[in-house]
Amino acid sequence: MKQSEQKHTSIFLSLVLRHQPSAAGILLDRHGWANIDELIEGVNRTGRYFLDRRTLEEIVANDAKQRYSISADGTKIRANQGHSVKVDVDLTETEPPEYLYHGTAERFCESIRTEGLKSKTRLYVHLSKDKHTATAVGKRHGKPVVLTVSSGKMYRDGYKFYLSVNDVWLTKYVPVGYIDYETEVSAK
């Protein structure tokens, strides 16, 4: 399979496993797992993509963001985080570092200043452990801005944080008072 075809298949897998399982005619269990054989059959049934077990394993292994996990018995797959469909990916509450970072686009800053960081269509707000990663996330949405979140203070104040298996920090909401706008960093 060509690299570009594999990339398009990976994007489709992300859609199916995080947002729209019906696009491949499959169901996710309550923990977000999909049966691999059913997923492969469903993806191929669309007629737009080709997927076999080897290609699926290559996509999982080579995904730079480590978006997917395969179950220990090798029969199921799921997205590690980023879901808009209601699933419980068995996250364990974890104490965050003192500061985390959120990459966004400049055009969203005004609403963030009044509403804080909301999960919107996803189950959680995504935060990064470093400014470099947050900048890369922000670039996907426009002119990037990196916001500093006082995650340690939030945690001490009773807010819950989770660390996904691919090192993305997750929380339900970041109120305005925990966001440091004085240290906004616009990346070029």
C-alpha atoms as a PDB file:
ATOM      1  CA  MET A   1       0.000   0.000   0.000  1.00  0.00           C
ATOM      2  CA  LYS A   2       1.312   3.435  -0.906  1.00  0.00           C
ATOM      3  CA  GLN A   3       2.196   5.832   1.922  1.00  0.00           C
ATOM      4  CA  SER A   4      -0.532   8.290   0.858  1.00  0.00           C
ATOM      5  CA  GLU A   5      -3.178   5.540   0.767  1.00  0.00           C
ATOM      6  CA  GLN A   6      -2.112   4.379   4.222  1.00  0.00           C
ATOM      7  CA  LYS A   7      -2.359   7.948   5.523  1.00  0.00           C
ATOM      8  CA  HIS A   8      -5.913   8.313   4.194  1.00  0.00           C
ATOM      9  CA  THR A   9      -6.852   4.945   5.705  1.00  0.00           C
ATOM     10  CA  SER A  10      -5.385   6.053   9.044  1.00  0.00           C
ATOM     11  CA  ILE A  11      -7.456   9.254   8.969  1.00  0.00           C
ATOM     12  CA  PHE A  12     -10.565   7.176   8.265  1.00  0.00           C
ATOM     13  CA  LEU A  13      -9.692   4.842  11.168  1.00  0.00           C
ATOM     14  CA  SER A  14      -9.453   7.869  13.448  1.00  0.00           C
ATOM     15  CA  LEU A  15     -12.913   8.979  12.338  1.00  0.00           C
ATOM     16  CA  VAL A  16     -14.373   5.504  12.891  1.00  0.00           C
ATOM     17  CA  LEU A  17     -12.707   4.771  16.245  1.00  0.00           C
ATOM     18  CA  ARG A  18     -13.147   8.237  17.792  1.00  0.00           C
ATOM     19  CA  HIS A  19     -16.224   9.832  16.258  1.00  0.00           C
ATOM     20  CA  GLN A  20     -18.330   7.792  13.852  1.00  0.00           C
ATOM     21  CA  PRO A  21     -18.156   3.978  14.058  1.00  0.00           C
ATOM     22  CA  SER A  22     -21.172   3.804  11.769  1.00  0.00           C
ATOM     23  CA  ALA A  23     -18.988   5.071   8.880  1.00  0.00           C
ATOM     24  CA  ALA A  24     -17.574   1.526   8.752  1.00  0.00           C
ATOM     25  CA  GLY A  25     -20.784  -0.132   9.940  1.00  0.00           C
ATOM     26  CA  ILE A  26     -19.308  -1.233  13.268  1.00  0.00           C
ATOM     27  CA  LEU A  27     -20.027  -0.748  16.950  1.00  0.00           C
ATOM     28  CA  LEU A  28     -17.654   0.190  19.756  1.00  0.00           C
ATOM     29  CA  ASP A  29     -18.072  -1.419  23.159  1.00  0.00           C
ATOM     30  CA  ARG A  30     -18.479   0.782  26.231  1.00  0.00           C
ATOM     31  CA  HIS A  31     -14.691   1.070  26.557  1.00  0.00           C
ATOM     32  CA  GLY A  32     -14.193   2.133  22.942  1.00  0.00           C
ATOM     33  CA  TRP A  33     -12.931  -1.224  21.656  1.00  0.00           C
ATOM     34  CA  ALA A  34     -13.818  -2.464  18.165  1.00  0.00           C
ATOM     35  CA  ASN A  35     -13.446  -6.031  16.955  1.00  0.00           C
ATOM     36  CA  ILE A  36     -10.510  -5.975  14.518  1.00  0.00           C
ATOM     37  CA  ASP A  37     -12.035  -8.463  12.060  1.00  0.00           C
ATOM     38  CA  GLU A  38     -15.292  -6.476  11.954  1.00  0.00           C
ATOM     39  CA  LEU A  39     -13.348  -3.216  11.554  1.00  0.00           C
ATOM     40  CA  ILE A  40     -11.312  -4.570   8.635  1.00  0.00           C
ATOM     41  CA  GLU A  41     -14.462  -5.915   6.970  1.00  0.00           C
ATOM     42  CA  GLY A  42     -16.310  -2.629   7.548  1.00  0.00           C
ATOM     43  CA  VAL A  43     -13.475  -0.465   6.210  1.00  0.00           C
ATOM     44  CA  ASN A  44     -13.166  -2.605   3.068  1.00  0.00           C
ATOM     45  CA  ARG A  45     -16.937  -2.602   2.584  1.00  0.00           C
ATOM     46  CA  THR A  46     -16.837   1.195   2.096  1.00  0.00           C
ATOM     47  CA  GLY A  47     -15.026   0.620  -1.214  1.00  0.00           C
ATOM     48  CA  ARG A  48     -12.854   3.699  -0.604  1.00  0.00           C
ATOM     49  CA  TYR A  49     -10.146   2.057   1.493  1.00  0.00           C
ATOM     50  CA  PHE A  50      -8.314  -1.264   1.652  1.00  0.00           C
ATOM     51  CA  LEU A  51      -7.333  -2.661   5.018  1.00  0.00           C
ATOM     52  CA  ASP A  52      -5.841  -5.954   6.097  1.00  0.00           C
ATOM     53  CA  ARG A  53      -4.317  -7.048   9.409  1.00  0.00           C
ATOM     54  CA  ARG A  54      -0.744  -6.236   8.344  1.00  0.00           C
ATOM     55  CA  THR A  55      -1.656  -2.722   7.188  1.00  0.00           C
ATOM     56  CA  LEU A  56      -3.638  -2.093  10.378  1.00  0.00           C
ATOM     57  CA  GLU A  57      -0.666  -3.149  12.521  1.00  0.00           C
ATOM     58  CA  GLU A  58       1.635  -0.876  10.472  1.00  0.00           C
ATOM     59  CA  ILE A  59      -0.717   2.067  10.975  1.00  0.00           C
ATOM     60  CA  VAL A  60      -0.831   1.447  14.740  1.00  0.00           C
ATOM     61  CA  ALA A  61       2.955   0.972  15.030  1.00  0.00           C
ATOM     62  CA  ASN A  62       3.904   3.942  12.844  1.00  0.00           C
ATOM     63  CA  ASP A  63       1.395   6.494  14.098  1.00  0.00           C
ATOM     64  CA  ALA A  64       3.546   9.346  15.417  1.00  0.00           C
ATOM     65  CA  LYS A  65       0.881  10.329  17.959  1.00  0.00           C
ATOM     66  CA  GLN A  66       0.264   6.722  19.068  1.00  0.00           C
ATOM     67  CA  ARG A  67      -3.484   7.213  18.660  1.00  0.00           C
ATOM     68  CA  TYR A  68      -4.408   3.512  18.830  1.00  0.00           C
ATOM     69  CA  SER A  69      -4.028   0.483  21.088  1.00  0.00           C
ATOM     70  CA  ILE A  70      -4.533  -3.163  20.242  1.00  0.00           C
ATOM     71  CA  SER A  71      -5.830  -5.383  23.053  1.00  0.00           C
ATOM     72  CA  ALA A  72      -3.499  -7.873  24.740  1.00  0.00           C
ATOM     73  CA  ASP A  73      -5.207 -10.781  22.976  1.00  0.00           C
ATOM     74  CA  GLY A  74      -4.916  -9.030  19.587  1.00  0.00           C
ATOM     75  CA  THR A  75      -8.632  -9.174  18.780  1.00  0.00           C
ATOM     76  CA  LYS A  76      -9.651  -5.551  19.451  1.00  0.00           C
ATOM     77  CA  ILE A  77      -8.484  -2.011  18.724  1.00  0.00           C
ATOM     78  CA  ARG A  78      -9.402   1.393  20.110  1.00  0.00           C
ATOM     79  CA  ALA A  79      -8.395   5.022  19.948  1.00  0.00           C
ATOM     80  CA  ASN A  80      -6.500   6.075  23.061  1.00  0.00           C
ATOM     81  CA  GLN A  81      -8.268   9.453  23.419  1.00  0.00           C
ATOM     82  CA  GLY A  82      -9.986  12.181  21.438  1.00  0.00           C
ATOM     83  CA  HIS A  83     -13.434  10.617  21.337  1.00  0.00           C
ATOM     84  CA  SER A  84     -16.607  12.517  20.666  1.00  0.00           C
ATOM     85  CA  VAL A  85     -18.679   9.348  21.124  1.00  0.00           C
ATOM     86  CA  LYS A  86     -19.390   8.439  24.737  1.00  0.00           C
ATOM     87  CA  VAL A  87     -16.930   5.738  25.797  1.00  0.00           C
ATOM     88  CA  ASP A  88     -14.919   5.014  28.938  1.00  0.00           C
ATOM     89  CA  VAL A  89     -11.318   4.276  27.939  1.00  0.00           C
ATOM     90  CA  ASP A  90     -10.439   3.276  31.516  1.00  0.00           C
ATOM     91  CA  LEU A  91      -8.495   6.404  32.406  1.00  0.00           C
ATOM     92  CA  THR A  92      -6.914   6.585  35.841  1.00  0.00           C
ATOM     93  CA  GLU A  93      -6.903   9.884  37.686  1.00  0.00           C
ATOM     94  CA  THR A  94      -3.324  11.171  37.776  1.00  0.00           C
ATOM     95  CA  GLU A  95      -1.700  14.157  39.453  1.00  0.00           C
ATOM     96  CA  PRO A  96      -0.482  16.476  36.680  1.00  0.00           C
ATOM     97  CA  PRO A  97       2.726  18.507  36.613  1.00  0.00           C
ATOM     98  CA  GLU A  98       2.471  22.079  37.905  1.00  0.00           C
ATOM     99  CA  TYR A  99       1.935  23.450  34.374  1.00  0.00           C
ATOM    100  CA  LEU A 100       0.487  22.010  31.189  1.00  0.00           C
ATOM    101  CA  TYR A 101      -0.023  23.684  27.824  1.00  0.00           C
ATOM    102  CA  HIS A 102      -2.886  24.035  25.399  1.00  0.00           C
ATOM    103  CA  GLY A 103      -2.295  24.743  21.729  1.00  0.00           C
ATOM    104  CA  THR A 104      -5.039  26.581  19.934  1.00  0.00           C
ATOM    105  CA  ALA A 105      -5.537  29.050  17.122  1.00  0.00           C
ATOM    106  CA  GLU A 106      -5.413  32.774  17.717  1.00  0.00           C
ATOM    107  CA  ARG A 107      -9.017  33.150  16.529  1.00  0.00           C
ATOM    108  CA  PHE A 108     -10.285  31.098  19.511  1.00  0.00           C
ATOM    109  CA  CYS A 109      -8.547  33.142  22.221  1.00  0.00           C
ATOM    110  CA  GLU A 110     -11.367  35.626  22.746  1.00  0.00           C
ATOM    111  CA  SER A 111     -13.893  32.912  23.610  1.00  0.00           C
ATOM    112  CA  ILE A 112     -11.322  31.102  25.782  1.00  0.00           C
ATOM    113  CA  ARG A 113     -10.747  34.349  27.721  1.00  0.00           C
ATOM    114  CA  THR A 114     -14.458  34.491  28.594  1.00  0.00           C
ATOM    115  CA  GLU A 115     -15.416  30.790  28.789  1.00  0.00           C
ATOM    116  CA  GLY A 116     -12.209  28.931  29.629  1.00  0.00           C
ATOM    117  CA  LEU A 117     -11.221  25.746  27.832  1.00  0.00           C
ATOM    118  CA  LYS A 118     -14.194  23.515  27.101  1.00  0.00           C
ATOM    119  CA  SER A 119     -14.159  20.031  25.633  1.00  0.00           C
ATOM    120  CA  LYS A 120     -16.739  21.095  22.992  1.00  0.00           C
ATOM    121  CA  THR A 121     -17.463  17.996  20.865  1.00  0.00           C
ATOM    122  CA  ARG A 122     -14.861  15.806  22.581  1.00  0.00           C
ATOM    123  CA  LEU A 123     -15.104  14.157  25.965  1.00  0.00           C
ATOM    124  CA  TYR A 124     -12.081  16.026  27.391  1.00  0.00           C
ATOM    125  CA  VAL A 125      -9.910  19.096  26.958  1.00  0.00           C
ATOM    126  CA  HIS A 126      -6.508  17.991  25.632  1.00  0.00           C
ATOM    127  CA  LEU A 127      -3.365  19.390  27.230  1.00  0.00           C
ATOM    128  CA  SER A 128       0.313  18.878  26.413  1.00  0.00           C
ATOM    129  CA  LYS A 129       3.291  18.495  28.729  1.00  0.00           C
ATOM    130  CA  ASP A 130       5.441  20.854  26.629  1.00  0.00           C
ATOM    131  CA  LYS A 131       5.091  23.998  24.545  1.00  0.00           C
ATOM    132  CA  HIS A 132       6.522  22.363  21.412  1.00  0.00           C
ATOM    133  CA  THR A 133       3.716  19.779  21.244  1.00  0.00           C
ATOM    134  CA  ALA A 134       1.090  22.422  22.050  1.00  0.00           C
ATOM    135  CA  THR A 135       2.431  24.622  19.244  1.00  0.00           C
ATOM    136  CA  ALA A 136       2.119  21.742  16.763  1.00  0.00           C
ATOM    137  CA  VAL A 137      -1.491  21.202  17.871  1.00  0.00           C
ATOM    138  CA  GLY A 138      -2.281  24.906  17.525  1.00  0.00           C
ATOM    139  CA  LYS A 139      -0.836  25.004  13.992  1.00  0.00           C
ATOM    140  CA  ARG A 140      -3.470  22.506  12.852  1.00  0.00           C
ATOM    141  CA  HIS A 141      -6.163  25.103  13.553  1.00  0.00           C
ATOM    142  CA  GLY A 142      -4.602  28.352  12.280  1.00  0.00           C
ATOM    143  CA  LYS A 143      -2.093  30.829  13.639  1.00  0.00           C
ATOM    144  CA  PRO A 144      -0.940  28.987  16.782  1.00  0.00           C
ATOM    145  CA  VAL A 145      -1.076  30.284  20.326  1.00  0.00           C
ATOM    146  CA  VAL A 146       0.108  28.319  23.361  1.00  0.00           C
ATOM    147  CA  LEU A 147      -1.674  28.895  26.665  1.00  0.00           C
ATOM    148  CA  THR A 148      -0.172  27.914  30.022  1.00  0.00           C
ATOM    149  CA  VAL A 149      -2.551  26.050  32.338  1.00  0.00           C
ATOM    150  CA  SER A 150      -1.939  25.999  36.105  1.00  0.00           C
ATOM    151  CA  SER A 151      -2.753  22.294  36.253  1.00  0.00           C
ATOM    152  CA  GLY A 152      -1.105  21.698  39.640  1.00  0.00           C
ATOM    153  CA  LYS A 153      -3.292  24.351  41.257  1.00  0.00           C
ATOM    154  CA  MET A 154      -6.363  22.996  39.479  1.00  0.00           C
ATOM    155  CA  TYR A 155      -5.623  19.509  40.803  1.00  0.00           C
ATOM    156  CA  ARG A 156      -5.134  20.806  44.358  1.00  0.00           C
ATOM    157  CA  ASP A 157      -8.459  22.637  43.959  1.00  0.00           C
ATOM    158  CA  GLY A 158     -10.244  19.364  43.165  1.00  0.00           C
ATOM    159  CA  TYR A 159     -10.194  19.151  39.367  1.00  0.00           C
ATOM    160  CA  LYS A 160      -9.461  15.708  37.942  1.00  0.00           C
ATOM    161  CA  PHE A 161      -6.756  14.968  35.394  1.00  0.00           C
ATOM    162  CA  TYR A 162      -6.020  11.849  33.403  1.00  0.00           C
ATOM    163  CA  LEU A 163      -2.996  10.825  31.363  1.00  0.00           C
ATOM    164  CA  SER A 164      -3.794   8.798  28.248  1.00  0.00           C
ATOM    165  CA  VAL A 165      -1.493   5.949  27.199  1.00  0.00           C
ATOM    166  CA  ASN A 166      -0.076   8.215  24.474  1.00  0.00           C
ATOM    167  CA  ASP A 167       0.871  11.003  26.936  1.00  0.00           C
ATOM    168  CA  VAL A 168      -1.994  13.412  26.319  1.00  0.00           C
ATOM    169  CA  TRP A 169      -3.266  15.066  29.498  1.00  0.00           C
ATOM    170  CA  LEU A 170      -7.050  15.216  29.768  1.00  0.00           C
ATOM    171  CA  THR A 171      -9.489  17.144  31.948  1.00  0.00           C
ATOM    172  CA  LYS A 172     -13.156  18.025  31.561  1.00  0.00           C
ATOM    173  CA  TYR A 173     -12.810  21.820  31.732  1.00  0.00           C
ATOM    174  CA  VAL A 174     -10.234  24.537  32.447  1.00  0.00           C
ATOM    175  CA  PRO A 175     -11.768  27.642  34.050  1.00  0.00           C
ATOM    176  CA  VAL A 176     -10.506  31.067  32.974  1.00  0.00           C
ATOM    177  CA  GLY A 177      -8.683  31.666  36.271  1.00  0.00           C
ATOM    178  CA  TYR A 178      -6.265  28.790  35.664  1.00  0.00           C
ATOM    179  CA  ILE A 179      -5.131  29.997  32.242  1.00  0.00           C
ATOM    180  CA  ASP A 180      -2.108  32.280  32.069  1.00  0.00           C
ATOM    181  CA  TYR A 181      -2.657  34.694  29.222  1.00  0.00           C
ATOM    182  CA  GLU A 182       0.421  36.751  30.069  1.00  0.00           C
ATOM    183  CA  THR A 183       2.610  33.966  28.715  1.00  0.00           C
ATOM    184  CA  GLU A 184       0.792  33.420  25.431  1.00  0.00           C
ATOM    185  CA  VAL A 185       3.382  32.333  22.911  1.00  0.00           C
ATOM    186  CA  SER A 186       2.646  32.911  19.254  1.00  0.00           C
ATOM    187  CA  ALA A 187       4.699  30.579  17.108  1.00  0.00           C
ATOM    188  CA  LYS A 188       5.821  31.414  13.609  1.00  0.00           C
END
